[in-house]
Amino acid sequence: KHVSMVAFAEHYVLDGDGGDEGETLTTKPFDTFHKQKQSQQQPRNDPIFGGVVLSDWQKLSGERSSIEQKLADFREKGIDYVRLECNFGSADDIGGAAQLGNNPLFGARFDLLAEAAKECQKREMVPLVLIQVPWRETGGDSNDYFKQAIKCFANALRDARVESKQVILETRPPIGVSTREERGLAGTMRISLGLETGRRMFDAIEEAFDGDTVAGFCVAGGSTKGDVPTAMEDDTQNAVRQGMRQLA
């Protein structure tokens, strides 16, 4: 009862078109989900939406016909939302928050992201946009990266005439402390950090979109994989959501 959005990797949605047995097994999870979704009456105030993760959207965006066809295929399969990820790299890769707005290469990526979001909306699918920028940098840098990224994206959406009320945002919260430091905080301190971060994020989004709202926001909690996991603690992550909701 706590699930409202279920996203599938692209191959679970489209690989069944070839018709061989392996591809049929690959798409069975999504096909089962979609049939169940279609057969049951969806509660008006508590629906479940099916989405797809479009991993190669930047490559496809270079060929408009390719991304248009891919999105049309998704819509035909009954997809409700498309997740688009754009990772701008580490602080060393970017070279400071201001570069997100000053470097034409970054500007071009924001423009591509906005165009991809527009193509989703044309086909009545909601774009869920994951923007990744440094988020554990100290001294306020993480907040600067977040504010600049959201501002640039909002401007790109306006230029592309994308309806922001039909866009869902996702980022990692700019908490500005390392994984070890966060884990070492007392529970009450982590909650306080999360609440403060969530409020700052909401203010930054409201300012960037000039008072217009977005359909929603997803908190990306970081990764538990690799030699140096970056995942947030559960109580910090929940507090970020609560901080945003208090202002929303």
Protein backbone atom coordinates (compact mmCIF):
# COMPACT_ATOMS: atom_id res chain seq x y z
CA LYS A 1 0.00 0.00 0.00
CA HIS A 2 3.04 2.29 0.24
CA VAL A 3 4.06 1.94 -3.43
CA SER A 4 2.84 4.39 -6.07
CA MET A 5 5.59 4.25 -8.74
CA VAL A 6 7.30 1.18 -10.21
CA ALA A 7 10.13 1.69 -12.73
CA PHE A 8 11.47 -1.03 -15.03
CA ALA A 9 14.77 -1.19 -16.89
CA GLU A 10 14.22 -0.67 -20.60
CA HIS A 11 14.89 -4.29 -21.61
CA TYR A 12 12.03 -5.47 -19.39
CA VAL A 13 9.64 -3.30 -21.40
CA LEU A 14 10.72 -3.67 -25.04
CA ASP A 15 12.81 -6.83 -25.43
CA GLY A 16 9.75 -9.01 -25.97
CA ASP A 17 9.07 -7.63 -29.43
CA GLY A 18 11.32 -10.24 -31.06
CA GLY A 19 9.08 -13.07 -29.96
CA ASP A 20 11.65 -15.67 -28.91
CA GLU A 21 11.30 -17.47 -25.62
CA GLY A 22 14.15 -15.68 -23.85
CA GLU A 23 12.77 -12.25 -24.62
CA THR A 24 9.29 -13.32 -23.51
CA LEU A 25 10.73 -14.35 -20.15
CA THR A 26 12.60 -11.04 -19.94
CA THR A 27 9.46 -8.95 -20.35
CA LYS A 28 7.23 -11.15 -18.20
CA PRO A 29 7.67 -9.04 -15.01
CA PHE A 30 6.53 -5.87 -16.76
CA ASP A 31 3.77 -7.63 -18.71
CA THR A 32 2.44 -9.13 -15.48
CA PHE A 33 2.55 -5.76 -13.71
CA HIS A 34 0.81 -4.00 -16.59
CA LYS A 35 -1.95 -6.61 -16.92
CA GLN A 36 -2.59 -6.48 -13.18
CA LYS A 37 -2.65 -2.68 -13.31
CA GLN A 38 -5.13 -2.71 -16.21
CA SER A 39 -7.40 -5.37 -14.70
CA GLN A 40 -7.84 -3.72 -11.32
CA GLN A 41 -9.76 -0.53 -10.66
CA GLN A 42 -7.17 2.07 -9.68
CA PRO A 43 -8.17 4.13 -6.63
CA ARG A 44 -8.59 7.74 -7.70
CA ASN A 45 -6.47 9.08 -4.84
CA ASP A 46 -4.00 6.19 -4.67
CA PRO A 47 -3.03 5.00 -8.19
CA ILE A 48 0.06 3.01 -9.15
CA PHE A 49 2.12 4.25 -12.11
CA GLY A 50 4.46 2.22 -14.30
CA GLY A 51 7.69 3.75 -15.59
CA VAL A 52 10.83 2.93 -17.54
CA VAL A 53 14.48 3.93 -17.09
CA LEU A 54 15.76 5.31 -20.41
CA SER A 55 19.51 4.94 -19.96
CA ASP A 56 20.72 6.04 -23.40
CA TRP A 57 18.52 9.12 -23.82
CA GLN A 58 21.51 11.42 -24.45
CA LYS A 59 22.70 9.27 -27.34
CA LEU A 60 19.18 9.01 -28.75
CA SER A 61 18.58 12.75 -28.44
CA GLY A 62 21.22 13.32 -31.10
CA GLU A 63 18.90 11.58 -33.53
CA ARG A 64 15.41 13.00 -33.01
CA SER A 65 13.69 10.21 -34.91
CA SER A 66 15.34 7.60 -32.66
CA ILE A 67 14.14 9.05 -29.38
CA GLU A 68 10.70 9.77 -30.82
CA GLN A 69 10.33 6.14 -31.90
CA LYS A 70 11.60 4.81 -28.56
CA LEU A 71 9.16 6.98 -26.61
CA ALA A 72 6.30 6.00 -28.92
CA ASP A 73 7.11 2.34 -28.22
CA PHE A 74 7.06 2.99 -24.48
CA ARG A 75 3.69 4.72 -24.68
CA GLU A 76 2.25 1.85 -26.71
CA LYS A 77 3.34 -0.49 -23.91
CA GLY A 78 1.37 1.55 -21.38
CA ILE A 79 4.26 3.43 -19.74
CA ASP A 80 3.21 6.39 -17.54
CA TYR A 81 6.58 8.01 -16.81
CA VAL A 82 10.15 7.98 -18.17
CA ARG A 83 13.19 8.33 -15.92
CA LEU A 84 15.99 10.40 -17.46
CA GLU A 85 19.32 10.55 -15.61
CA CYS A 86 21.96 13.23 -16.14
CA ASN A 87 25.17 12.86 -14.11
CA PHE A 88 27.41 15.92 -14.29
CA GLY A 89 30.25 14.21 -12.43
CA SER A 90 32.38 15.07 -9.43
CA ALA A 91 33.40 18.50 -8.15
CA ASP A 92 36.73 18.09 -10.00
CA ASP A 93 34.89 17.26 -13.22
CA ILE A 94 32.66 20.33 -12.98
CA GLY A 95 35.16 22.83 -11.57
CA GLY A 96 32.81 24.77 -9.31
CA ALA A 97 29.05 25.34 -9.18
CA ALA A 98 29.20 28.45 -11.37
CA GLN A 99 30.52 26.33 -14.25
CA LEU A 100 27.13 24.63 -14.55
CA GLY A 101 25.77 27.95 -15.80
CA ASN A 102 28.87 29.29 -17.56
CA ASN A 103 30.24 26.28 -19.42
CA PRO A 104 28.48 25.85 -22.81
CA LEU A 105 28.99 22.07 -22.65
CA PHE A 106 26.93 21.85 -19.48
CA GLY A 107 24.36 24.22 -20.95
CA ALA A 108 23.98 21.94 -23.96
CA ARG A 109 23.31 18.97 -21.67
CA PHE A 110 20.59 20.87 -19.80
CA ASP A 111 19.03 21.81 -23.15
CA LEU A 112 19.09 18.17 -24.30
CA LEU A 113 17.50 17.10 -21.03
CA ALA A 114 14.71 19.65 -21.46
CA GLU A 115 14.08 18.54 -25.05
CA ALA A 116 13.87 14.90 -23.95
CA ALA A 117 11.39 15.90 -21.24
CA LYS A 118 9.33 17.75 -23.85
CA GLU A 119 9.23 14.68 -26.09
CA CYS A 120 7.94 12.63 -23.16
CA GLN A 121 5.16 15.12 -22.49
CA LYS A 122 4.15 15.13 -26.16
CA ARG A 123 3.33 11.44 -25.75
CA GLU A 124 1.47 11.95 -22.47
CA MET A 125 4.23 10.48 -20.33
CA VAL A 126 5.67 12.30 -17.33
CA PRO A 127 9.44 12.86 -17.37
CA LEU A 128 11.12 11.96 -14.07
CA VAL A 129 14.47 13.75 -14.25
CA LEU A 130 17.39 12.65 -12.07
CA ILE A 131 20.08 15.35 -11.92
CA GLN A 132 23.31 14.27 -10.24
CA VAL A 133 25.77 16.86 -8.94
CA PRO A 134 28.16 16.77 -5.95
CA TRP A 135 26.14 16.47 -2.74
CA ARG A 136 28.53 15.59 0.06
CA GLU A 137 30.92 18.54 -0.47
CA THR A 138 31.53 20.59 2.69
CA GLY A 139 31.37 24.31 3.36
CA GLY A 140 28.14 25.00 1.49
CA ASP A 141 29.50 23.82 -1.87
CA SER A 142 26.92 21.04 -2.15
CA ASN A 143 24.08 23.50 -1.72
CA ASP A 144 25.63 25.78 -4.37
CA TYR A 145 25.80 22.88 -6.84
CA PHE A 146 22.18 21.97 -6.15
CA LYS A 147 20.88 25.53 -6.52
CA GLN A 148 22.81 26.15 -9.73
CA ALA A 149 21.77 22.84 -11.29
CA ILE A 150 18.08 23.36 -10.52
CA LYS A 151 18.25 26.95 -11.79
CA CYS A 152 19.87 25.88 -15.08
CA PHE A 153 17.38 23.08 -15.58
CA ALA A 154 14.40 25.35 -14.86
CA ASN A 155 15.69 27.85 -17.43
CA ALA A 156 16.16 25.08 -20.01
CA LEU A 157 12.60 23.86 -19.41
CA ARG A 158 11.23 27.36 -19.95
CA ASP A 159 13.22 27.80 -23.16
CA ALA A 160 11.92 24.45 -24.45
CA ARG A 161 8.34 25.31 -23.40
CA VAL A 162 8.07 22.30 -21.12
CA GLU A 163 5.17 22.27 -18.65
CA SER A 164 6.93 22.18 -15.26
CA LYS A 165 3.75 21.04 -13.49
CA GLN A 166 4.12 17.77 -15.41
CA VAL A 167 7.75 17.11 -14.45
CA ILE A 168 9.06 15.12 -11.48
CA LEU A 169 12.52 15.98 -10.15
CA GLU A 170 14.99 13.67 -8.45
CA THR A 171 18.39 14.47 -6.92
CA ARG A 172 20.60 13.46 -4.06
CA PRO A 173 20.10 15.91 -1.19
CA PRO A 174 22.99 18.39 -0.71
CA ILE A 175 23.65 17.43 2.92
CA GLY A 176 27.29 18.54 2.78
CA VAL A 177 28.79 15.88 5.10
CA SER A 178 30.63 12.66 4.33
CA THR A 179 29.10 9.22 4.76
CA ARG A 180 31.26 8.59 7.83
CA GLU A 181 30.41 11.95 9.38
CA GLU A 182 26.70 11.43 8.81
CA ARG A 183 26.80 7.95 10.33
CA GLY A 184 28.64 9.31 13.37
CA LEU A 185 25.95 11.90 14.16
CA ALA A 186 23.37 11.24 16.84
CA GLY A 187 19.93 10.35 15.49
CA THR A 188 18.46 13.71 16.49
CA MET A 189 21.30 15.51 14.69
CA ARG A 190 20.73 13.52 11.50
CA ILE A 191 17.03 14.35 11.60
CA SER A 192 17.84 18.04 12.12
CA LEU A 193 20.30 17.92 9.20
CA GLY A 194 17.72 16.25 6.95
CA LEU A 195 14.95 18.69 7.83
CA GLU A 196 17.18 21.71 7.19
CA THR A 197 18.39 20.25 3.89
CA GLY A 198 14.84 19.51 2.72
CA ARG A 199 13.72 23.05 3.45
CA ARG A 200 16.70 24.54 1.59
CA MET A 201 15.96 22.29 -1.37
CA PHE A 202 12.32 23.35 -1.50
CA ASP A 203 13.28 27.04 -1.35
CA ALA A 204 15.82 26.54 -4.16
CA ILE A 205 13.27 24.77 -6.37
CA GLU A 206 10.61 27.40 -5.73
CA GLU A 207 13.06 30.20 -6.56
CA ALA A 208 14.37 28.48 -9.70
CA PHE A 209 10.89 27.83 -11.07
CA ASP A 210 9.75 31.35 -10.15
CA GLY A 211 6.88 30.15 -7.99
CA ASP A 212 5.66 27.51 -10.43
CA THR A 213 5.46 24.06 -8.94
CA VAL A 214 6.69 20.70 -10.17
CA ALA A 215 4.57 17.56 -10.01
CA GLY A 216 6.76 16.00 -7.32
CA PHE A 217 10.22 15.29 -6.01
CA CYS A 218 12.03 12.01 -5.40
CA VAL A 219 14.93 11.77 -2.97
CA ALA A 220 17.82 9.72 -4.39
CA GLY A 221 19.48 8.27 -1.32
CA GLY A 222 22.86 7.35 -2.81
CA SER A 223 24.43 3.98 -3.53
CA THR A 224 25.12 1.08 -1.18
CA LYS A 225 27.50 -0.50 -3.74
CA GLY A 226 31.23 -0.21 -4.33
CA ASP A 227 34.21 0.11 -2.04
CA VAL A 228 32.99 3.44 -0.66
CA PRO A 229 29.18 3.36 -0.30
CA THR A 230 27.55 6.81 -0.37
CA ALA A 231 24.04 5.91 0.77
CA MET A 232 22.30 8.18 3.27
CA GLU A 233 21.07 6.91 6.61
CA ASP A 234 17.35 6.13 6.55
CA ASP A 235 16.43 8.70 9.21
CA THR A 236 18.34 11.47 7.41
CA GLN A 237 16.70 10.59 4.12
CA ASN A 238 13.21 10.53 5.63
CA ALA A 239 13.83 13.87 7.34
CA VAL A 240 14.76 15.44 3.98
CA ARG A 241 11.35 14.41 2.64
CA GLN A 242 9.61 15.76 5.73
CA GLY A 243 11.46 19.08 5.44
CA MET A 244 10.25 19.50 1.87
CA ARG A 245 6.70 18.46 2.74
CA GLN A 246 6.50 20.96 5.60
CA LEU A 247 7.04 23.84 3.18
CA ALA A 248 5.08 22.28 0.32
